[in-house]
Amino acid sequence: MGCDFSALTLGSDDELAIRKCITHFFQRANVVVCSRHLRVNVGRKLDDLLGKTSDVRRRLMEALFGTTGLVALDVVI
């Protein structure tokens, strides 16, 4: 129990139950999520809301997951 959990990094595939468990039991650990899974999940949700061929969907996906999008930022929080 003397482990420095702030030096621990844990990841998941964006499964909410797993992320909640990780943050509950390893409160000081860094938690990462797979960007591929996020892209797939966001794409599905946008398909439901806007449709696959929507220009708004395309622009949102580019702004989030494109080469200059949000996930391309190299930021440590």
N, C-alpha and C. Protein backbone atom coordinates (compact mmCIF):
# COMPACT_ATOMS: atom_id res chain seq x y z
N MET A 1 0.82 -1.21 0.00
CA MET A 1 0.00 0.00 0.00
C MET A 1 0.86 1.26 0.00
N GLY A 2 2.17 1.12 0.06
CA GLY A 2 3.03 2.29 0.05
C GLY A 2 3.35 2.77 -1.35
N CYS A 3 2.63 2.28 -2.33
CA CYS A 3 2.88 2.63 -3.73
C CYS A 3 2.49 4.09 -4.00
N ASP A 4 3.28 4.77 -4.82
CA ASP A 4 2.97 6.13 -5.24
C ASP A 4 2.02 6.06 -6.44
N PHE A 5 0.72 6.10 -6.18
CA PHE A 5 -0.28 5.95 -7.23
C PHE A 5 -0.27 7.09 -8.24
N SER A 6 0.32 8.24 -7.88
CA SER A 6 0.38 9.33 -8.84
C SER A 6 1.35 9.02 -9.97
N ALA A 7 2.21 8.02 -9.78
CA ALA A 7 3.14 7.58 -10.83
C ALA A 7 2.52 6.49 -11.69
N LEU A 8 1.31 6.07 -11.37
CA LEU A 8 0.63 4.98 -12.06
C LEU A 8 -0.25 5.54 -13.18
N THR A 9 -0.19 4.93 -14.35
CA THR A 9 -1.07 5.30 -15.46
C THR A 9 -1.87 4.07 -15.87
N LEU A 10 -3.18 4.21 -15.88
CA LEU A 10 -4.08 3.12 -16.23
C LEU A 10 -4.94 3.54 -17.41
N GLY A 11 -5.30 2.59 -18.25
CA GLY A 11 -6.10 2.91 -19.42
C GLY A 11 -7.23 1.94 -19.62
N SER A 12 -8.19 2.36 -20.44
CA SER A 12 -9.32 1.50 -20.75
C SER A 12 -9.80 1.80 -22.17
N ASP A 13 -10.79 1.05 -22.58
CA ASP A 13 -11.36 1.22 -23.92
C ASP A 13 -12.60 2.09 -23.90
N ASP A 14 -12.72 2.97 -22.93
CA ASP A 14 -13.84 3.89 -22.75
C ASP A 14 -15.07 3.22 -22.14
N GLU A 15 -14.89 2.08 -21.51
CA GLU A 15 -15.99 1.43 -20.79
C GLU A 15 -16.20 2.19 -19.49
N LEU A 16 -17.37 2.78 -19.32
CA LEU A 16 -17.66 3.65 -18.19
C LEU A 16 -17.44 2.94 -16.85
N ALA A 17 -17.89 1.71 -16.72
CA ALA A 17 -17.76 0.99 -15.45
C ALA A 17 -16.29 0.81 -15.07
N ILE A 18 -15.46 0.51 -16.05
CA ILE A 18 -14.03 0.32 -15.77
C ILE A 18 -13.40 1.65 -15.36
N ARG A 19 -13.73 2.73 -16.08
CA ARG A 19 -13.17 4.04 -15.73
C ARG A 19 -13.60 4.48 -14.34
N LYS A 20 -14.85 4.24 -13.98
CA LYS A 20 -15.33 4.61 -12.64
C LYS A 20 -14.59 3.82 -11.57
N CYS A 21 -14.38 2.54 -11.82
CA CYS A 21 -13.66 1.69 -10.87
C CYS A 21 -12.22 2.17 -10.70
N ILE A 22 -11.56 2.46 -11.81
CA ILE A 22 -10.18 2.94 -11.76
C ILE A 22 -10.08 4.23 -10.96
N THR A 23 -10.94 5.19 -11.26
CA THR A 23 -10.87 6.48 -10.56
C THR A 23 -11.26 6.36 -9.09
N HIS A 24 -12.09 5.40 -8.76
CA HIS A 24 -12.49 5.19 -7.36
C HIS A 24 -11.35 4.58 -6.55
N PHE A 25 -10.73 3.54 -7.08
CA PHE A 25 -9.72 2.81 -6.32
C PHE A 25 -8.30 3.35 -6.50
N PHE A 26 -8.05 4.07 -7.57
CA PHE A 26 -6.73 4.64 -7.82
C PHE A 26 -6.89 6.14 -8.07
N GLN A 27 -7.29 6.86 -7.04
CA GLN A 27 -7.69 8.25 -7.17
C GLN A 27 -6.58 9.16 -7.70
N ARG A 28 -5.33 8.86 -7.40
CA ARG A 28 -4.24 9.73 -7.84
C ARG A 28 -3.56 9.23 -9.11
N ALA A 29 -4.05 8.14 -9.67
CA ALA A 29 -3.45 7.60 -10.89
C ALA A 29 -3.87 8.42 -12.11
N ASN A 30 -3.03 8.42 -13.12
CA ASN A 30 -3.39 9.03 -14.40
C ASN A 30 -4.25 8.03 -15.16
N VAL A 31 -5.34 8.50 -15.72
CA VAL A 31 -6.25 7.63 -16.46
C VAL A 31 -6.26 8.06 -17.92
N VAL A 32 -6.03 7.12 -18.83
CA VAL A 32 -6.04 7.41 -20.26
C VAL A 32 -7.11 6.56 -20.93
N VAL A 33 -7.61 7.06 -22.05
CA VAL A 33 -8.62 6.35 -22.81
C VAL A 33 -8.13 6.23 -24.25
N CYS A 34 -8.40 5.12 -24.87
CA CYS A 34 -7.97 4.86 -26.24
C CYS A 34 -8.71 5.79 -27.20
N SER A 35 -7.95 6.57 -27.98
CA SER A 35 -8.57 7.53 -28.90
C SER A 35 -9.35 6.81 -30.00
N ARG A 36 -8.93 5.61 -30.38
CA ARG A 36 -9.66 4.85 -31.40
C ARG A 36 -11.07 4.54 -30.92
N HIS A 37 -11.19 4.09 -29.67
CA HIS A 37 -12.50 3.78 -29.13
C HIS A 37 -13.35 5.04 -28.99
N LEU A 38 -12.74 6.13 -28.57
CA LEU A 38 -13.48 7.39 -28.48
C LEU A 38 -14.01 7.80 -29.86
N ARG A 39 -13.16 7.70 -30.89
CA ARG A 39 -13.56 8.06 -32.25
C ARG A 39 -14.74 7.22 -32.72
N VAL A 40 -14.69 5.92 -32.47
CA VAL A 40 -15.78 5.02 -32.89
C VAL A 40 -17.06 5.38 -32.14
N ASN A 41 -16.96 5.59 -30.83
CA ASN A 41 -18.15 5.91 -30.03
C ASN A 41 -18.76 7.25 -30.42
N VAL A 42 -17.92 8.26 -30.61
CA VAL A 42 -18.42 9.58 -31.02
C VAL A 42 -19.03 9.49 -32.42
N GLY A 43 -18.38 8.76 -33.32
CA GLY A 43 -18.92 8.58 -34.67
C GLY A 43 -20.29 7.95 -34.66
N ARG A 44 -20.47 6.92 -33.85
CA ARG A 44 -21.79 6.27 -33.75
C ARG A 44 -22.86 7.24 -33.24
N LYS A 45 -22.50 7.99 -32.21
CA LYS A 45 -23.47 8.92 -31.64
C LYS A 45 -23.84 10.01 -32.65
N LEU A 46 -22.83 10.54 -33.34
CA LEU A 46 -23.11 11.56 -34.35
C LEU A 46 -23.92 11.00 -35.52
N ASP A 47 -23.68 9.73 -35.88
CA ASP A 47 -24.49 9.09 -36.92
C ASP A 47 -25.96 9.08 -36.51
N ASP A 48 -26.21 8.74 -35.25
CA ASP A 48 -27.59 8.70 -34.74
C ASP A 48 -28.23 10.08 -34.74
N LEU A 49 -27.45 11.10 -34.35
CA LEU A 49 -27.99 12.44 -34.22
C LEU A 49 -28.06 13.20 -35.54
N LEU A 50 -27.02 13.04 -36.38
CA LEU A 50 -26.89 13.88 -37.57
C LEU A 50 -26.93 13.13 -38.89
N GLY A 51 -26.65 11.83 -38.85
CA GLY A 51 -26.56 11.05 -40.07
C GLY A 51 -25.12 10.96 -40.55
N LYS A 52 -24.79 9.86 -41.22
CA LYS A 52 -23.42 9.61 -41.67
C LYS A 52 -22.90 10.62 -42.67
N THR A 53 -23.77 11.18 -43.48
CA THR A 53 -23.31 12.07 -44.56
C THR A 53 -23.39 13.55 -44.20
N SER A 54 -23.72 13.87 -42.97
CA SER A 54 -23.86 15.26 -42.55
C SER A 54 -22.52 16.00 -42.59
N ASP A 55 -22.53 17.21 -43.13
CA ASP A 55 -21.34 18.04 -43.15
C ASP A 55 -20.94 18.44 -41.73
N VAL A 56 -21.91 18.67 -40.87
CA VAL A 56 -21.63 19.01 -39.47
C VAL A 56 -20.91 17.84 -38.79
N ARG A 57 -21.36 16.61 -39.06
CA ARG A 57 -20.71 15.43 -38.50
C ARG A 57 -19.25 15.37 -38.95
N ARG A 58 -19.02 15.57 -40.24
CA ARG A 58 -17.67 15.51 -40.79
C ARG A 58 -16.77 16.56 -40.15
N ARG A 59 -17.29 17.78 -39.99
CA ARG A 59 -16.49 18.85 -39.39
C ARG A 59 -16.20 18.59 -37.91
N LEU A 60 -17.17 18.07 -37.20
CA LEU A 60 -16.95 17.73 -35.79
C LEU A 60 -15.90 16.63 -35.65
N MET A 61 -16.00 15.59 -36.45
CA MET A 61 -15.03 14.50 -36.39
C MET A 61 -13.63 15.01 -36.72
N GLU A 62 -13.52 15.89 -37.71
CA GLU A 62 -12.22 16.46 -38.08
C GLU A 62 -11.67 17.33 -36.95
N ALA A 63 -12.54 18.13 -36.32
CA ALA A 63 -12.10 19.00 -35.23
C ALA A 63 -11.66 18.20 -34.00
N LEU A 64 -12.25 17.05 -33.80
CA LEU A 64 -11.89 16.22 -32.65
C LEU A 64 -10.75 15.26 -32.95
N PHE A 65 -10.82 14.57 -34.09
CA PHE A 65 -9.92 13.45 -34.35
C PHE A 65 -9.01 13.64 -35.55
N GLY A 66 -9.09 14.77 -36.23
CA GLY A 66 -8.24 15.01 -37.40
C GLY A 66 -6.79 15.26 -37.00
N THR A 67 -5.94 15.44 -37.99
CA THR A 67 -4.51 15.61 -37.73
C THR A 67 -4.20 16.87 -36.91
N THR A 68 -5.07 17.87 -36.97
CA THR A 68 -4.90 19.07 -36.15
C THR A 68 -6.03 19.20 -35.14
N GLY A 69 -6.72 18.09 -34.89
CA GLY A 69 -7.86 18.10 -33.97
C GLY A 69 -7.45 18.00 -32.51
N LEU A 70 -8.44 17.93 -31.67
CA LEU A 70 -8.26 17.91 -30.22
C LEU A 70 -7.36 16.77 -29.75
N VAL A 71 -7.54 15.57 -30.28
CA VAL A 71 -6.72 14.46 -29.82
C VAL A 71 -5.27 14.55 -30.29
N ALA A 72 -4.98 15.41 -31.25
CA ALA A 72 -3.60 15.58 -31.71
C ALA A 72 -2.79 16.50 -30.79
N LEU A 73 -3.46 17.19 -29.88
CA LEU A 73 -2.75 18.08 -28.96
C LEU A 73 -1.88 17.27 -28.01
N ASP A 74 -0.73 17.81 -27.71
CA ASP A 74 0.19 17.15 -26.79
C ASP A 74 0.20 17.94 -25.50
N VAL A 75 -0.83 17.68 -24.66
CA VAL A 75 -1.02 18.46 -23.44
C VAL A 75 -1.06 17.51 -22.25
N VAL A 76 -0.39 17.89 -21.18
CA VAL A 76 -0.45 17.13 -19.95
C VAL A 76 -1.25 17.94 -18.94
N ILE A 77 -2.27 17.32 -18.39
CA ILE A 77 -3.14 18.02 -17.43
C ILE A 77 -2.72 17.68 -16.02
